[in-house]
Amino acid sequence: MTAPLVLEPSQTADACVIWLHGLGADQHDFEPVAQLLQRHLKRCRFVLPQAPTRPVTINGGWAMPSWYDILAMSPARAIDRSQLEASAESVMCLVEAQRDQGIDPRRIILAGFSQGGAVVLHAAFLRWPGPLGGVLALSTYAPTFPAELLLTDTQRQLPVLCLHGTVDDVVLPSMGQAAFDCLQRAGVPAVWREYRMAHEVCPQQIDDIGQWLQQRLQS
């Protein structure tokens, strides 16, 4: 397994963002964004893991970086849940590694784009038992969420920022909205923001992410 890309801050780290890329991308995909955000988050480490390369059914079986296989797109997106579970487990190992290095889990943010977002939502709300600093869910969905999330008091307090493009034709806005609605019904302090963009990241979104992170991680 490829080691995560670790971007150390300009000052001693006391917070961390673990950021998962999307299908077919790699750990360098959000490196420029992380470097930009670190200009204002001078004590925040960014950890950018790499998904395994494996065949993806909906892409004709071509091998590419993928957190889990997508078996079908409709009527409901079918996935290899065991692979998603394994990816979520790897995220929890990264959280534990940061905790062992002295970072309080309440100052660890899980972030993910598209497939990566599905993994961090699963890890944060269906697997990780303790506190976290929050979740950034970019252009993503929650294929493993049940109709009703049964959460602990700790999980229910976890802030989530959901960001989605209004013309996203890869992960439809309705899929992201469904995940957001599920979190809200469970009492999670989730915020929904949308942008006039497709399946991508835009400057205004990065600004909003920076402000959200600063509110939670500034020492």
N, C-alpha and C. Protein backbone atom coordinates (compact mmCIF):
# COMPACT_ATOMS: atom_id res chain seq x y z
N MET A 1 0.85 -1.20 0.00
CA MET A 1 0.00 0.00 0.00
C MET A 1 0.88 1.25 0.00
N THR A 2 0.53 2.21 -0.83
CA THR A 2 1.28 3.45 -0.92
C THR A 2 1.14 4.25 0.37
N ALA A 3 2.23 4.77 0.87
CA ALA A 3 2.19 5.57 2.09
C ALA A 3 1.45 6.88 1.82
N PRO A 4 0.72 7.39 2.80
CA PRO A 4 0.03 8.68 2.61
C PRO A 4 1.03 9.81 2.37
N LEU A 5 0.61 10.80 1.63
CA LEU A 5 1.37 12.03 1.48
C LEU A 5 1.07 12.90 2.70
N VAL A 6 2.10 13.30 3.41
CA VAL A 6 1.94 14.09 4.62
C VAL A 6 2.53 15.47 4.40
N LEU A 7 1.70 16.49 4.59
CA LEU A 7 2.13 17.88 4.45
C LEU A 7 2.19 18.50 5.84
N GLU A 8 3.40 18.74 6.30
CA GLU A 8 3.57 19.33 7.63
C GLU A 8 3.36 20.84 7.57
N PRO A 9 2.79 21.40 8.63
CA PRO A 9 2.56 22.85 8.67
C PRO A 9 3.84 23.61 9.00
N SER A 10 3.75 24.93 8.94
CA SER A 10 4.93 25.76 9.20
C SER A 10 5.28 25.79 10.69
N GLN A 11 4.29 25.49 11.54
CA GLN A 11 4.53 25.42 12.98
C GLN A 11 4.21 24.01 13.47
N THR A 12 4.53 23.72 14.72
CA THR A 12 4.29 22.39 15.26
C THR A 12 2.81 22.01 15.14
N ALA A 13 2.53 20.86 14.57
CA ALA A 13 1.14 20.44 14.31
C ALA A 13 0.40 20.14 15.60
N ASP A 14 -0.82 20.69 15.71
CA ASP A 14 -1.72 20.33 16.80
C ASP A 14 -3.11 19.99 16.27
N ALA A 15 -3.22 19.86 14.95
CA ALA A 15 -4.48 19.50 14.30
C ALA A 15 -4.14 18.78 13.00
N CYS A 16 -5.12 18.10 12.44
CA CYS A 16 -4.88 17.32 11.22
C CYS A 16 -6.14 17.21 10.38
N VAL A 17 -5.97 17.29 9.08
CA VAL A 17 -7.04 16.99 8.13
C VAL A 17 -6.59 15.78 7.32
N ILE A 18 -7.40 14.73 7.35
CA ILE A 18 -7.17 13.53 6.54
C ILE A 18 -8.12 13.61 5.35
N TRP A 19 -7.56 13.72 4.13
CA TRP A 19 -8.35 14.09 2.95
C TRP A 19 -8.23 13.00 1.88
N LEU A 20 -9.36 12.39 1.53
CA LEU A 20 -9.39 11.31 0.54
C LEU A 20 -9.80 11.85 -0.83
N HIS A 21 -9.06 11.45 -1.86
CA HIS A 21 -9.35 11.86 -3.23
C HIS A 21 -10.52 11.05 -3.81
N GLY A 22 -10.89 11.36 -5.04
CA GLY A 22 -11.99 10.67 -5.70
C GLY A 22 -11.52 9.56 -6.62
N LEU A 23 -12.47 8.92 -7.26
CA LEU A 23 -12.20 7.80 -8.17
C LEU A 23 -11.28 8.23 -9.31
N GLY A 24 -10.23 7.44 -9.53
CA GLY A 24 -9.33 7.69 -10.65
C GLY A 24 -8.29 8.76 -10.41
N ALA A 25 -8.37 9.43 -9.27
CA ALA A 25 -7.38 10.47 -8.94
C ALA A 25 -6.28 9.84 -8.09
N ASP A 26 -5.45 10.68 -7.47
CA ASP A 26 -4.42 10.14 -6.59
C ASP A 26 -4.21 11.10 -5.42
N GLN A 27 -3.27 10.75 -4.56
CA GLN A 27 -3.05 11.50 -3.32
C GLN A 27 -2.54 12.91 -3.57
N HIS A 28 -2.08 13.20 -4.78
CA HIS A 28 -1.60 14.56 -5.09
C HIS A 28 -2.74 15.47 -5.56
N ASP A 29 -3.93 14.91 -5.75
CA ASP A 29 -5.03 15.67 -6.34
C ASP A 29 -5.36 16.92 -5.52
N PHE A 30 -5.40 16.78 -4.21
CA PHE A 30 -5.75 17.91 -3.35
C PHE A 30 -4.54 18.53 -2.67
N GLU A 31 -3.35 18.16 -3.12
CA GLU A 31 -2.14 18.73 -2.53
C GLU A 31 -2.10 20.25 -2.68
N PRO A 32 -2.40 20.82 -3.87
CA PRO A 32 -2.38 22.29 -3.97
C PRO A 32 -3.41 22.96 -3.06
N VAL A 33 -4.57 22.33 -2.91
CA VAL A 33 -5.60 22.89 -2.02
C VAL A 33 -5.11 22.87 -0.58
N ALA A 34 -4.52 21.76 -0.18
CA ALA A 34 -4.01 21.65 1.19
C ALA A 34 -2.92 22.70 1.44
N GLN A 35 -2.03 22.88 0.49
CA GLN A 35 -0.97 23.87 0.66
C GLN A 35 -1.55 25.28 0.77
N LEU A 36 -2.58 25.55 -0.01
CA LEU A 36 -3.24 26.86 0.07
C LEU A 36 -3.88 27.06 1.44
N LEU A 37 -4.56 26.04 1.94
CA LEU A 37 -5.24 26.15 3.23
C LEU A 37 -4.23 26.29 4.37
N GLN A 38 -3.06 25.69 4.22
CA GLN A 38 -2.06 25.78 5.28
C GLN A 38 -1.48 27.18 5.45
N ARG A 39 -1.72 28.05 4.50
CA ARG A 39 -1.25 29.43 4.67
C ARG A 39 -1.92 30.08 5.87
N HIS A 40 -3.15 29.64 6.16
CA HIS A 40 -3.90 30.20 7.29
C HIS A 40 -4.02 29.22 8.44
N LEU A 41 -3.74 27.95 8.18
CA LEU A 41 -3.78 26.92 9.22
C LEU A 41 -2.35 26.49 9.50
N LYS A 42 -1.65 27.31 10.24
CA LYS A 42 -0.20 27.16 10.39
C LYS A 42 0.20 26.04 11.34
N ARG A 43 -0.79 25.40 11.99
CA ARG A 43 -0.49 24.30 12.89
C ARG A 43 -1.26 23.03 12.50
N CYS A 44 -1.72 23.00 11.25
CA CYS A 44 -2.54 21.87 10.80
C CYS A 44 -1.78 21.01 9.79
N ARG A 45 -1.62 19.76 10.13
CA ARG A 45 -1.04 18.76 9.23
C ARG A 45 -2.12 18.24 8.29
N PHE A 46 -1.76 18.01 7.02
CA PHE A 46 -2.67 17.38 6.06
C PHE A 46 -2.11 16.01 5.70
N VAL A 47 -2.95 15.01 5.78
CA VAL A 47 -2.59 13.64 5.41
C VAL A 47 -3.45 13.24 4.22
N LEU A 48 -2.80 12.92 3.11
CA LEU A 48 -3.48 12.62 1.85
C LEU A 48 -3.19 11.17 1.46
N PRO A 49 -4.09 10.24 1.81
CA PRO A 49 -3.85 8.83 1.50
C PRO A 49 -4.11 8.52 0.03
N GLN A 50 -3.61 7.37 -0.39
CA GLN A 50 -3.75 6.90 -1.77
C GLN A 50 -4.65 5.67 -1.81
N ALA A 51 -5.67 5.71 -2.67
CA ALA A 51 -6.55 4.54 -2.82
C ALA A 51 -5.82 3.42 -3.56
N PRO A 52 -6.17 2.16 -3.28
CA PRO A 52 -5.60 1.04 -4.04
C PRO A 52 -6.01 1.13 -5.51
N THR A 53 -5.16 0.61 -6.37
CA THR A 53 -5.51 0.50 -7.79
C THR A 53 -6.16 -0.85 -8.03
N ARG A 54 -7.38 -0.83 -8.57
CA ARG A 54 -8.12 -2.08 -8.79
C ARG A 54 -9.15 -1.88 -9.90
N PRO A 55 -9.67 -2.96 -10.46
CA PRO A 55 -10.66 -2.85 -11.53
C PRO A 55 -11.94 -2.18 -11.03
N VAL A 56 -12.52 -1.35 -11.88
CA VAL A 56 -13.79 -0.69 -11.56
C VAL A 56 -14.81 -1.12 -12.60
N THR A 57 -15.83 -1.80 -12.15
CA THR A 57 -16.79 -2.45 -13.04
C THR A 57 -17.45 -1.47 -14.01
N ILE A 58 -17.92 -0.33 -13.49
CA ILE A 58 -18.65 0.60 -14.37
C ILE A 58 -17.75 1.26 -15.40
N ASN A 59 -16.45 1.17 -15.21
CA ASN A 59 -15.49 1.72 -16.18
C ASN A 59 -14.87 0.62 -17.03
N GLY A 60 -15.67 -0.39 -17.31
CA GLY A 60 -15.23 -1.47 -18.19
C GLY A 60 -14.19 -2.39 -17.59
N GLY A 61 -14.09 -2.36 -16.26
CA GLY A 61 -13.12 -3.22 -15.58
C GLY A 61 -11.69 -2.69 -15.60
N TRP A 62 -11.51 -1.45 -16.09
CA TRP A 62 -10.16 -0.87 -16.09
C TRP A 62 -9.71 -0.63 -14.66
N ALA A 63 -8.44 -0.89 -14.41
CA ALA A 63 -7.88 -0.68 -13.08
C ALA A 63 -7.50 0.78 -12.91
N MET A 64 -7.87 1.33 -11.76
CA MET A 64 -7.58 2.73 -11.43
C MET A 64 -7.66 2.91 -9.93
N PRO A 65 -7.12 3.99 -9.40
CA PRO A 65 -7.25 4.22 -7.96
C PRO A 65 -8.73 4.31 -7.58
N SER A 66 -9.11 3.48 -6.62
CA SER A 66 -10.52 3.38 -6.25
C SER A 66 -10.64 2.94 -4.80
N TRP A 67 -11.44 3.66 -4.04
CA TRP A 67 -11.68 3.27 -2.64
C TRP A 67 -12.61 2.06 -2.56
N TYR A 68 -13.41 1.85 -3.61
CA TYR A 68 -14.28 0.67 -3.69
C TYR A 68 -14.79 0.56 -5.11
N ASP A 69 -15.16 -0.66 -5.48
CA ASP A 69 -15.70 -0.90 -6.82
C ASP A 69 -17.14 -0.41 -6.89
N ILE A 70 -17.49 0.20 -8.02
CA ILE A 70 -18.88 0.57 -8.32
C ILE A 70 -19.39 -0.42 -9.34
N LEU A 71 -20.39 -1.19 -8.95
CA LEU A 71 -20.88 -2.30 -9.77
C LEU A 71 -21.94 -1.86 -10.77
N ALA A 72 -22.73 -0.85 -10.41
CA ALA A 72 -23.80 -0.36 -11.30
C ALA A 72 -24.18 1.05 -10.87
N MET A 73 -24.65 1.84 -11.83
CA MET A 73 -25.01 3.23 -11.55
C MET A 73 -26.49 3.41 -11.23
N SER A 74 -27.35 2.51 -11.74
CA SER A 74 -28.78 2.70 -11.56
C SER A 74 -29.46 1.33 -11.50
N PRO A 75 -30.68 1.29 -10.93
CA PRO A 75 -31.46 2.42 -10.40
C PRO A 75 -30.87 3.04 -9.15
N ALA A 76 -30.19 2.23 -8.33
CA ALA A 76 -29.46 2.77 -7.19
C ALA A 76 -28.00 2.33 -7.34
N ARG A 77 -27.08 3.20 -6.99
CA ARG A 77 -25.67 2.88 -7.18
C ARG A 77 -25.29 1.67 -6.33
N ALA A 78 -24.80 0.63 -6.99
CA ALA A 78 -24.39 -0.59 -6.30
C ALA A 78 -22.88 -0.58 -6.13
N ILE A 79 -22.43 -0.91 -4.93
CA ILE A 79 -21.00 -0.85 -4.63
C ILE A 79 -20.53 -2.14 -3.98
N ASP A 80 -19.21 -2.31 -3.96
CA ASP A 80 -18.61 -3.41 -3.20
C ASP A 80 -18.42 -2.91 -1.77
N ARG A 81 -19.35 -3.27 -0.92
CA ARG A 81 -19.35 -2.74 0.44
C ARG A 81 -18.12 -3.21 1.23
N SER A 82 -17.66 -4.41 0.97
CA SER A 82 -16.50 -4.90 1.72
C SER A 82 -15.27 -4.05 1.43
N GLN A 83 -15.13 -3.58 0.19
CA GLN A 83 -14.01 -2.71 -0.14
C GLN A 83 -14.16 -1.34 0.53
N LEU A 84 -15.38 -0.83 0.57
CA LEU A 84 -15.60 0.44 1.27
C LEU A 84 -15.29 0.29 2.76
N GLU A 85 -15.70 -0.84 3.34
CA GLU A 85 -15.40 -1.11 4.75
C GLU A 85 -13.89 -1.11 4.99
N ALA A 86 -13.15 -1.75 4.09
CA ALA A 86 -11.70 -1.81 4.23
C ALA A 86 -11.09 -0.41 4.13
N SER A 87 -11.62 0.40 3.22
CA SER A 87 -11.12 1.78 3.09
C SER A 87 -11.43 2.60 4.34
N ALA A 88 -12.62 2.40 4.91
CA ALA A 88 -12.96 3.10 6.14
C ALA A 88 -12.04 2.66 7.28
N GLU A 89 -11.70 1.39 7.30
CA GLU A 89 -10.79 0.89 8.32
C GLU A 89 -9.41 1.56 8.19
N SER A 90 -8.97 1.76 6.95
CA SER A 90 -7.68 2.43 6.74
C SER A 90 -7.74 3.87 7.23
N VAL A 91 -8.89 4.52 7.09
CA VAL A 91 -9.05 5.88 7.59
C VAL A 91 -8.95 5.89 9.11
N MET A 92 -9.60 4.94 9.75
CA MET A 92 -9.55 4.87 11.21
C MET A 92 -8.12 4.61 11.70
N CYS A 93 -7.37 3.83 10.94
CA CYS A 93 -5.96 3.61 11.30
C CYS A 93 -5.17 4.91 11.21
N LEU A 94 -5.50 5.74 10.21
CA LEU A 94 -4.82 7.04 10.08
C LEU A 94 -5.18 7.95 11.25
N VAL A 95 -6.45 7.93 11.66
CA VAL A 95 -6.85 8.72 12.83
C VAL A 95 -6.08 8.26 14.07
N GLU A 96 -6.01 6.95 14.24
CA GLU A 96 -5.29 6.41 15.41
C GLU A 96 -3.81 6.78 15.37
N ALA A 97 -3.23 6.78 14.17
CA ALA A 97 -1.81 7.15 14.04
C ALA A 97 -1.59 8.60 14.44
N GLN A 98 -2.51 9.48 14.04
CA GLN A 98 -2.39 10.88 14.42
C GLN A 98 -2.59 11.06 15.92
N ARG A 99 -3.53 10.32 16.47
CA ARG A 99 -3.75 10.37 17.92
C ARG A 99 -2.49 9.92 18.67
N ASP A 100 -1.87 8.87 18.14
CA ASP A 100 -0.65 8.36 18.78
C ASP A 100 0.51 9.35 18.68
N GLN A 101 0.43 10.26 17.71
CA GLN A 101 1.46 11.29 17.56
C GLN A 101 1.13 12.54 18.38
N GLY A 102 0.06 12.47 19.15
CA GLY A 102 -0.27 13.56 20.06
C GLY A 102 -1.36 14.50 19.61
N ILE A 103 -2.02 14.20 18.47
CA ILE A 103 -3.12 15.05 17.99
C ILE A 103 -4.43 14.59 18.65
N ASP A 104 -5.10 15.49 19.31
CA ASP A 104 -6.40 15.20 19.91
C ASP A 104 -7.39 14.87 18.79
N PRO A 105 -8.09 13.72 18.84
CA PRO A 105 -9.06 13.39 17.80
C PRO A 105 -10.11 14.48 17.57
N ARG A 106 -10.38 15.29 18.58
CA ARG A 106 -11.34 16.39 18.42
C ARG A 106 -10.78 17.50 17.54
N ARG A 107 -9.50 17.35 17.15
CA ARG A 107 -8.88 18.30 16.23
C ARG A 107 -8.42 17.59 14.94
N ILE A 108 -9.09 16.48 14.66
CA ILE A 108 -8.85 15.75 13.42
C ILE A 108 -10.11 15.83 12.56
N ILE A 109 -9.97 16.35 11.36
CA ILE A 109 -11.07 16.48 10.40
C ILE A 109 -10.92 15.41 9.34
N LEU A 110 -12.02 14.74 9.02
CA LEU A 110 -12.04 13.80 7.89
C LEU A 110 -12.67 14.51 6.70
N ALA A 111 -11.98 14.49 5.56
CA ALA A 111 -12.47 15.13 4.35
C ALA A 111 -12.40 14.15 3.19
N GLY A 112 -13.35 14.27 2.26
CA GLY A 112 -13.31 13.38 1.11
C GLY A 112 -14.12 13.94 -0.04
N PHE A 113 -13.60 13.71 -1.24
CA PHE A 113 -14.27 14.13 -2.46
C PHE A 113 -14.87 12.90 -3.15
N SER A 114 -16.14 12.96 -3.51
CA SER A 114 -16.81 11.91 -4.27
C SER A 114 -16.70 10.56 -3.54
N GLN A 115 -16.04 9.56 -4.13
CA GLN A 115 -15.84 8.29 -3.45
C GLN A 115 -15.19 8.47 -2.08
N GLY A 116 -14.21 9.33 -2.02
CA GLY A 116 -13.53 9.58 -0.75
C GLY A 116 -14.48 10.10 0.31
N GLY A 117 -15.43 10.92 -0.11
CA GLY A 117 -16.42 11.43 0.82
C GLY A 117 -17.34 10.35 1.35
N ALA A 118 -17.70 9.41 0.48
CA ALA A 118 -18.54 8.29 0.92
C ALA A 118 -17.83 7.48 2.00
N VAL A 119 -16.51 7.32 1.83
CA VAL A 119 -15.72 6.56 2.81
C VAL A 119 -15.66 7.29 4.14
N VAL A 120 -15.40 8.60 4.13
CA VAL A 120 -15.26 9.30 5.41
C VAL A 120 -16.61 9.43 6.12
N LEU A 121 -17.70 9.57 5.38
CA LEU A 121 -19.02 9.59 6.02
C LEU A 121 -19.29 8.25 6.71
N HIS A 122 -18.94 7.18 6.04
CA HIS A 122 -19.12 5.84 6.61
C HIS A 122 -18.25 5.69 7.86
N ALA A 123 -16.99 6.09 7.75
CA ALA A 123 -16.07 5.94 8.88
C ALA A 123 -16.52 6.76 10.08
N ALA A 124 -16.94 8.00 9.85
CA ALA A 124 -17.27 8.90 10.94
C ALA A 124 -18.56 8.52 11.65
N PHE A 125 -19.56 8.05 10.88
CA PHE A 125 -20.89 7.86 11.47
C PHE A 125 -21.30 6.40 11.65
N LEU A 126 -20.59 5.49 11.03
CA LEU A 126 -20.95 4.08 11.17
C LEU A 126 -19.83 3.23 11.77
N ARG A 127 -18.63 3.79 11.94
CA ARG A 127 -17.52 2.98 12.43
C ARG A 127 -16.74 3.61 13.59
N TRP A 128 -16.33 4.87 13.46
CA TRP A 128 -15.47 5.47 14.49
C TRP A 128 -16.29 5.75 15.75
N PRO A 129 -15.89 5.21 16.90
CA PRO A 129 -16.71 5.33 18.11
C PRO A 129 -16.49 6.59 18.92
N GLY A 130 -15.35 7.26 18.71
CA GLY A 130 -15.00 8.38 19.56
C GLY A 130 -15.22 9.73 18.91
N PRO A 131 -14.72 10.78 19.54
CA PRO A 131 -14.90 12.13 19.01
C PRO A 131 -14.00 12.40 17.81
N LEU A 132 -14.42 13.34 16.99
CA LEU A 132 -13.64 13.86 15.87
C LEU A 132 -13.90 15.36 15.79
N GLY A 133 -13.11 16.02 14.95
CA GLY A 133 -13.30 17.45 14.80
C GLY A 133 -14.39 17.85 13.82
N GLY A 134 -14.69 16.96 12.86
CA GLY A 134 -15.70 17.27 11.86
C GLY A 134 -15.46 16.50 10.58
N VAL A 135 -16.39 16.68 9.64
CA VAL A 135 -16.32 16.01 8.35
C VAL A 135 -16.58 17.01 7.24
N LEU A 136 -15.73 16.98 6.22
CA LEU A 136 -15.93 17.75 4.98
C LEU A 136 -16.38 16.76 3.91
N ALA A 137 -17.58 16.94 3.39
CA ALA A 137 -18.14 16.02 2.40
C ALA A 137 -18.30 16.77 1.08
N LEU A 138 -17.37 16.53 0.15
CA LEU A 138 -17.34 17.27 -1.11
C LEU A 138 -17.90 16.43 -2.25
N SER A 139 -18.95 16.94 -2.89
CA SER A 139 -19.50 16.31 -4.10
C SER A 139 -19.68 14.81 -3.90
N THR A 140 -20.31 14.45 -2.80
CA THR A 140 -20.35 13.05 -2.44
C THR A 140 -21.74 12.60 -2.05
N TYR A 141 -21.83 11.37 -1.60
CA TYR A 141 -23.09 10.74 -1.23
C TYR A 141 -22.80 9.73 -0.13
N ALA A 142 -23.83 9.06 0.36
CA ALA A 142 -23.65 8.14 1.49
C ALA A 142 -24.33 6.80 1.16
N PRO A 143 -23.68 5.96 0.35
CA PRO A 143 -24.31 4.72 -0.09
C PRO A 143 -24.56 3.72 1.03
N THR A 144 -23.91 3.89 2.17
CA THR A 144 -24.07 2.93 3.27
C THR A 144 -24.99 3.44 4.38
N PHE A 145 -25.47 4.67 4.27
CA PHE A 145 -26.37 5.19 5.31
C PHE A 145 -27.70 4.45 5.27
N PRO A 146 -28.19 4.00 6.42
CA PRO A 146 -29.55 3.47 6.46
C PRO A 146 -30.56 4.61 6.39
N ALA A 147 -31.83 4.28 6.29
CA ALA A 147 -32.86 5.32 6.23
C ALA A 147 -32.83 6.19 7.48
N GLU A 148 -32.49 5.57 8.61
CA GLU A 148 -32.42 6.30 9.86
C GLU A 148 -31.09 5.99 10.54
N LEU A 149 -30.29 7.03 10.76
CA LEU A 149 -29.01 6.87 11.44
C LEU A 149 -29.23 6.81 12.94
N LEU A 150 -28.71 5.78 13.57
CA LEU A 150 -28.77 5.66 15.03
C LEU A 150 -27.38 6.00 15.56
N LEU A 151 -27.26 7.18 16.13
CA LEU A 151 -25.95 7.71 16.50
C LEU A 151 -25.78 7.83 18.01
N THR A 152 -24.52 7.80 18.43
CA THR A 152 -24.20 8.10 19.81
C THR A 152 -24.27 9.61 20.01
N ASP A 153 -24.28 10.04 21.27
CA ASP A 153 -24.29 11.48 21.53
C ASP A 153 -23.05 12.14 20.95
N THR A 154 -21.92 11.44 21.00
CA THR A 154 -20.68 11.99 20.45
C THR A 154 -20.78 12.18 18.94
N GLN A 155 -21.29 11.17 18.25
CA GLN A 155 -21.44 11.27 16.79
C GLN A 155 -22.43 12.36 16.41
N ARG A 156 -23.46 12.52 17.21
CA ARG A 156 -24.50 13.51 16.90
C ARG A 156 -23.98 14.93 16.99
N GLN A 157 -22.90 15.13 17.70
CA GLN A 157 -22.32 16.47 17.84
C GLN A 157 -21.30 16.81 16.76
N LEU A 158 -21.04 15.88 15.86
CA LEU A 158 -19.98 16.06 14.86
C LEU A 158 -20.42 17.02 13.75
N PRO A 159 -19.76 18.15 13.61
CA PRO A 159 -20.14 19.09 12.55
C PRO A 159 -19.75 18.57 11.16
N VAL A 160 -20.62 18.79 10.20
CA VAL A 160 -20.39 18.34 8.83
C VAL A 160 -20.67 19.49 7.87
N LEU A 161 -19.76 19.69 6.93
CA LEU A 161 -19.97 20.66 5.87
C LEU A 161 -20.11 19.90 4.56
N CYS A 162 -21.31 19.95 3.99
CA CYS A 162 -21.60 19.26 2.72
C CYS A 162 -21.56 20.28 1.60
N LEU A 163 -20.73 20.04 0.58
CA LEU A 163 -20.57 20.97 -0.53
C LEU A 163 -20.81 20.24 -1.84
N HIS A 164 -21.61 20.83 -2.74
CA HIS A 164 -21.97 20.11 -3.96
C HIS A 164 -22.20 21.09 -5.11
N GLY A 165 -21.91 20.63 -6.30
CA GLY A 165 -22.16 21.41 -7.50
C GLY A 165 -23.59 21.23 -7.98
N THR A 166 -24.21 22.33 -8.40
CA THR A 166 -25.60 22.27 -8.83
C THR A 166 -25.77 21.58 -10.18
N VAL A 167 -24.67 21.48 -10.96
CA VAL A 167 -24.76 20.82 -12.27
C VAL A 167 -23.83 19.59 -12.30
N ASP A 168 -23.65 18.97 -11.15
CA ASP A 168 -22.85 17.75 -11.05
C ASP A 168 -23.62 16.61 -11.69
N ASP A 169 -23.07 16.03 -12.79
CA ASP A 169 -23.74 14.91 -13.45
C ASP A 169 -23.07 13.58 -13.15
N VAL A 170 -22.11 13.57 -12.22
CA VAL A 170 -21.45 12.33 -11.80
C VAL A 170 -22.07 11.84 -10.50
N VAL A 171 -22.02 12.67 -9.48
CA VAL A 171 -22.77 12.41 -8.25
C VAL A 171 -23.86 13.48 -8.20
N LEU A 172 -25.07 13.10 -8.52
CA LEU A 172 -26.15 14.07 -8.65
C LEU A 172 -26.37 14.84 -7.35
N PRO A 173 -26.72 16.12 -7.44
CA PRO A 173 -26.98 16.89 -6.23
C PRO A 173 -28.01 16.22 -5.31
N SER A 174 -28.97 15.53 -5.89
CA SER A 174 -29.99 14.86 -5.07
C SER A 174 -29.37 13.77 -4.20
N MET A 175 -28.29 13.15 -4.66
CA MET A 175 -27.61 12.13 -3.86
C MET A 175 -26.90 12.76 -2.67
N GLY A 176 -26.26 13.88 -2.90
CA GLY A 176 -25.63 14.60 -1.80
C GLY A 176 -26.66 15.14 -0.82
N GLN A 177 -27.77 15.64 -1.37
CA GLN A 177 -28.83 16.18 -0.53
C GLN A 177 -29.44 15.09 0.35
N ALA A 178 -29.55 13.88 -0.19
CA ALA A 178 -30.11 12.76 0.58
C ALA A 178 -29.23 12.45 1.79
N ALA A 179 -27.90 12.48 1.60
CA ALA A 179 -26.98 12.24 2.71
C ALA A 179 -27.11 13.34 3.76
N PHE A 180 -27.17 14.59 3.29
CA PHE A 180 -27.33 15.73 4.19
C PHE A 180 -28.63 15.63 4.98
N ASP A 181 -29.72 15.29 4.29
CA ASP A 181 -31.02 15.17 4.96
C ASP A 181 -30.99 14.08 6.03
N CYS A 182 -30.31 12.97 5.73
CA CYS A 182 -30.20 11.88 6.69
C CYS A 182 -29.46 12.34 7.95
N LEU A 183 -28.38 13.10 7.76
CA LEU A 183 -27.64 13.63 8.90
C LEU A 183 -28.49 14.59 9.72
N GLN A 184 -29.23 15.45 9.03
CA GLN A 184 -30.07 16.40 9.75
C GLN A 184 -31.15 15.70 10.56
N ARG A 185 -31.76 14.67 9.98
CA ARG A 185 -32.80 13.93 10.71
C ARG A 185 -32.24 13.29 11.97
N ALA A 186 -30.96 12.94 11.92
CA ALA A 186 -30.32 12.30 13.08
C ALA A 186 -29.85 13.32 14.11
N GLY A 187 -30.04 14.62 13.83
CA GLY A 187 -29.66 15.65 14.77
C GLY A 187 -28.24 16.15 14.64
N VAL A 188 -27.57 15.79 13.53
CA VAL A 188 -26.18 16.22 13.31
C VAL A 188 -26.17 17.68 12.83
N PRO A 189 -25.26 18.51 13.34
CA PRO A 189 -25.17 19.89 12.89
C PRO A 189 -24.50 19.99 11.51
N ALA A 190 -25.22 19.57 10.50
CA ALA A 190 -24.70 19.57 9.13
C ALA A 190 -25.14 20.85 8.42
N VAL A 191 -24.27 21.33 7.54
CA VAL A 191 -24.54 22.52 6.73
C VAL A 191 -24.41 22.15 5.26
N TRP A 192 -25.35 22.61 4.45
CA TRP A 192 -25.35 22.34 3.01
C TRP A 192 -25.01 23.61 2.26
N ARG A 193 -24.02 23.52 1.35
CA ARG A 193 -23.69 24.64 0.48
C ARG A 193 -23.53 24.13 -0.94
N GLU A 194 -24.08 24.86 -1.88
CA GLU A 194 -23.98 24.45 -3.28
C GLU A 194 -23.39 25.58 -4.12
N TYR A 195 -22.82 25.16 -5.24
CA TYR A 195 -22.06 26.06 -6.10
C TYR A 195 -22.42 25.77 -7.55
N ARG A 196 -22.33 26.79 -8.37
CA ARG A 196 -22.61 26.63 -9.79
C ARG A 196 -21.39 25.97 -10.44
N MET A 197 -21.32 24.66 -10.32
CA MET A 197 -20.17 23.91 -10.86
C MET A 197 -20.59 22.47 -11.10
N ALA A 198 -19.73 21.74 -11.79
CA ALA A 198 -19.98 20.32 -12.07
C ALA A 198 -19.30 19.48 -10.96
N HIS A 199 -18.74 18.33 -11.35
CA HIS A 199 -18.09 17.44 -10.38
C HIS A 199 -16.64 17.89 -10.22
N GLU A 200 -16.45 18.93 -9.42
CA GLU A 200 -15.15 19.60 -9.35
C GLU A 200 -15.06 20.41 -8.07
N VAL A 201 -14.04 21.23 -8.00
CA VAL A 201 -13.85 22.15 -6.88
C VAL A 201 -13.67 23.54 -7.45
N CYS A 202 -14.25 24.55 -6.79
CA CYS A 202 -14.15 25.92 -7.28
C CYS A 202 -13.54 26.82 -6.20
N PRO A 203 -13.02 28.00 -6.59
CA PRO A 203 -12.36 28.89 -5.63
C PRO A 203 -13.24 29.30 -4.45
N GLN A 204 -14.51 29.61 -4.71
CA GLN A 204 -15.40 30.02 -3.60
C GLN A 204 -15.55 28.89 -2.59
N GLN A 205 -15.62 27.67 -3.09
CA GLN A 205 -15.73 26.51 -2.22
C GLN A 205 -14.49 26.38 -1.33
N ILE A 206 -13.32 26.57 -1.91
CA ILE A 206 -12.08 26.48 -1.13
C ILE A 206 -12.05 27.56 -0.06
N ASP A 207 -12.52 28.75 -0.39
CA ASP A 207 -12.60 29.83 0.60
C ASP A 207 -13.52 29.43 1.75
N ASP A 208 -14.66 28.86 1.41
CA ASP A 208 -15.62 28.45 2.44
C ASP A 208 -15.04 27.33 3.32
N ILE A 209 -14.33 26.39 2.70
CA ILE A 209 -13.68 25.32 3.46
C ILE A 209 -12.65 25.91 4.41
N GLY A 210 -11.86 26.87 3.92
CA GLY A 210 -10.85 27.50 4.75
C GLY A 210 -11.45 28.17 5.98
N GLN A 211 -12.55 28.89 5.79
CA GLN A 211 -13.20 29.57 6.91
C GLN A 211 -13.76 28.54 7.90
N TRP A 212 -14.35 27.48 7.38
CA TRP A 212 -14.92 26.43 8.24
C TRP A 212 -13.83 25.75 9.06
N LEU A 213 -12.71 25.46 8.41
CA LEU A 213 -11.59 24.82 9.14
C LEU A 213 -11.00 25.75 10.17
N GLN A 214 -10.86 27.01 9.82
CA GLN A 214 -10.29 27.96 10.78
C GLN A 214 -11.16 28.08 12.02
N GLN A 215 -12.47 28.06 11.85
CA GLN A 215 -13.39 28.17 12.98
C GLN A 215 -13.20 26.99 13.94
N ARG A 216 -12.79 25.85 13.42
CA ARG A 216 -12.68 24.65 14.24
C ARG A 216 -11.26 24.34 14.71
N LEU A 217 -10.27 24.84 14.00
CA LEU A 217 -8.91 24.39 14.28
C LEU A 217 -7.95 25.48 14.71
N GLN A 218 -8.34 26.74 14.62
CA GLN A 218 -7.41 27.79 15.02
C GLN A 218 -7.12 27.65 16.52
N SER A 219 -5.85 27.69 16.85
CA SER A 219 -5.43 27.55 18.26
C SER A 219 -5.68 28.86 18.99
